[in-house]
Amino acid sequence: MLKKVKRRYLALAIDSPETFEAKEFMDAVWNAVLKLYGEYGASKTGLTLISYDKEKRFAIIRASHKAVEVVRATLASITKIGDKPAAIHVMKISGTLRALHKRMT
């Protein structure tokens, strides 16, 4: 019998004067994971973009619950998205999207 995969949802604020497309943002996240932890480490994160709002500079990503600290370290290491300066801040972490949305309001 397969074990249920536990996931965590992370609400992120993108701190930058510029705006970015969702693909640019996720490329920066994946590149940072690969740089810090390599392909094996990246494969363990289970990263997925759930929602992205480029005007509000806000994103929600999903990660494996075992890799939350890896993902947080990765996000903290990002200083550029594309060639533009940016920082990413984790605002909230939750086990479900519903709880995450409740905590954000």
Protein backbone atom coordinates (compact mmCIF):
# COMPACT_ATOMS: atom_id res chain seq x y z
CA MET A 1 0.00 0.00 0.00
CA LEU A 2 1.28 3.46 -0.93
CA LYS A 3 1.87 6.04 1.76
CA LYS A 4 0.00 9.32 1.46
CA VAL A 5 2.33 12.15 0.46
CA LYS A 6 2.23 14.95 3.00
CA ARG A 7 2.51 18.38 1.49
CA ARG A 8 2.91 21.92 2.70
CA TYR A 9 1.74 25.09 1.01
CA LEU A 10 3.95 28.15 1.26
CA ALA A 11 2.64 31.69 0.75
CA LEU A 12 5.42 33.83 -0.69
CA ALA A 13 5.93 37.56 -1.10
CA ILE A 14 8.25 38.66 -3.89
CA ASP A 15 10.16 41.75 -2.85
CA SER A 16 11.22 43.59 -6.00
CA PRO A 17 10.46 46.80 -7.87
CA GLU A 18 10.08 44.70 -11.04
CA THR A 19 7.31 42.29 -12.05
CA PHE A 20 7.98 38.77 -13.27
CA GLU A 21 6.14 36.15 -15.24
CA ALA A 22 5.30 32.91 -13.41
CA LYS A 23 7.79 30.98 -15.55
CA GLU A 24 10.63 33.39 -14.71
CA PHE A 25 9.81 33.06 -11.02
CA MET A 26 9.74 29.24 -11.02
CA ASP A 27 12.90 29.06 -13.16
CA ALA A 28 14.69 31.13 -10.50
CA VAL A 29 13.39 28.86 -7.73
CA TRP A 30 14.38 25.65 -9.56
CA ASN A 31 17.82 27.02 -10.46
CA ALA A 32 18.44 27.94 -6.83
CA VAL A 33 17.36 24.45 -5.63
CA LEU A 34 19.64 22.81 -8.18
CA LYS A 35 22.56 25.06 -7.25
CA LEU A 36 22.21 24.42 -3.51
CA TYR A 37 21.11 20.77 -3.40
CA GLY A 38 21.73 19.28 -6.85
CA GLU A 39 19.32 17.17 -8.87
CA TYR A 40 18.81 14.60 -6.13
CA GLY A 41 17.89 17.26 -3.58
CA ALA A 42 15.63 19.01 -6.09
CA SER A 43 13.79 15.75 -6.82
CA LYS A 44 12.93 15.41 -3.12
CA THR A 45 11.26 18.84 -2.88
CA GLY A 46 8.17 18.08 -4.98
CA LEU A 47 7.89 21.78 -5.85
CA THR A 48 4.79 22.92 -7.72
CA LEU A 49 3.47 26.40 -8.40
CA ILE A 50 -0.15 26.61 -7.20
CA SER A 51 -0.94 30.26 -7.88
CA TYR A 52 0.91 33.37 -8.93
CA ASP A 53 -0.11 37.02 -9.01
CA LYS A 54 2.48 39.19 -10.70
CA GLU A 55 0.73 42.49 -9.87
CA LYS A 56 0.55 41.72 -6.15
CA ARG A 57 3.96 39.96 -6.28
CA PHE A 58 2.49 36.99 -4.46
CA ALA A 59 2.82 33.25 -5.03
CA ILE A 60 1.74 29.99 -3.46
CA ILE A 61 3.92 26.93 -3.96
CA ARG A 62 3.50 23.35 -2.80
CA ALA A 63 6.36 21.27 -1.42
CA SER A 64 6.87 17.94 0.29
CA HIS A 65 6.57 18.36 4.08
CA LYS A 66 10.00 16.75 4.53
CA ALA A 67 11.58 19.35 2.23
CA VAL A 68 10.12 22.53 3.75
CA GLU A 69 13.42 23.57 5.33
CA VAL A 70 15.26 22.88 2.05
CA VAL A 71 12.74 25.04 0.17
CA ARG A 72 12.96 27.84 2.76
CA ALA A 73 16.77 27.87 2.52
CA THR A 74 16.53 27.91 -1.27
CA LEU A 75 14.08 30.84 -1.30
CA ALA A 76 16.30 32.78 1.11
CA SER A 77 19.26 32.31 -1.25
CA ILE A 78 17.52 33.92 -4.24
CA THR A 79 18.78 37.45 -4.95
CA LYS A 80 17.77 37.72 -8.62
CA ILE A 81 14.89 36.61 -10.81
CA GLY A 82 16.03 36.73 -14.39
CA ASP A 83 18.59 39.53 -14.25
CA LYS A 84 16.52 41.72 -11.97
CA PRO A 85 17.16 42.02 -8.21
CA ALA A 86 14.56 40.29 -6.04
CA ALA A 87 14.08 38.65 -2.67
CA ILE A 88 11.45 36.08 -1.74
CA HIS A 89 9.91 35.98 1.73
CA VAL A 90 7.92 33.10 3.19
CA MET A 91 4.83 34.63 4.78
CA LYS A 92 2.90 31.56 5.93
CA ILE A 93 3.11 27.77 5.72
CA SER A 94 0.14 25.46 5.99
CA GLY A 95 -0.89 21.87 5.38
CA THR A 96 -3.94 22.82 3.31
CA LEU A 97 -4.78 25.59 0.88
CA ARG A 98 -7.96 26.42 2.77
CA ALA A 99 -6.07 26.99 6.03
CA LEU A 100 -3.43 29.02 4.18
CA HIS A 101 -6.08 31.32 2.71
CA LYS A 102 -7.71 31.70 6.16
CA ARG A 103 -4.39 32.64 7.74
CA MET A 104 -3.68 35.20 5.01
CA THR A 105 -6.87 37.19 5.67
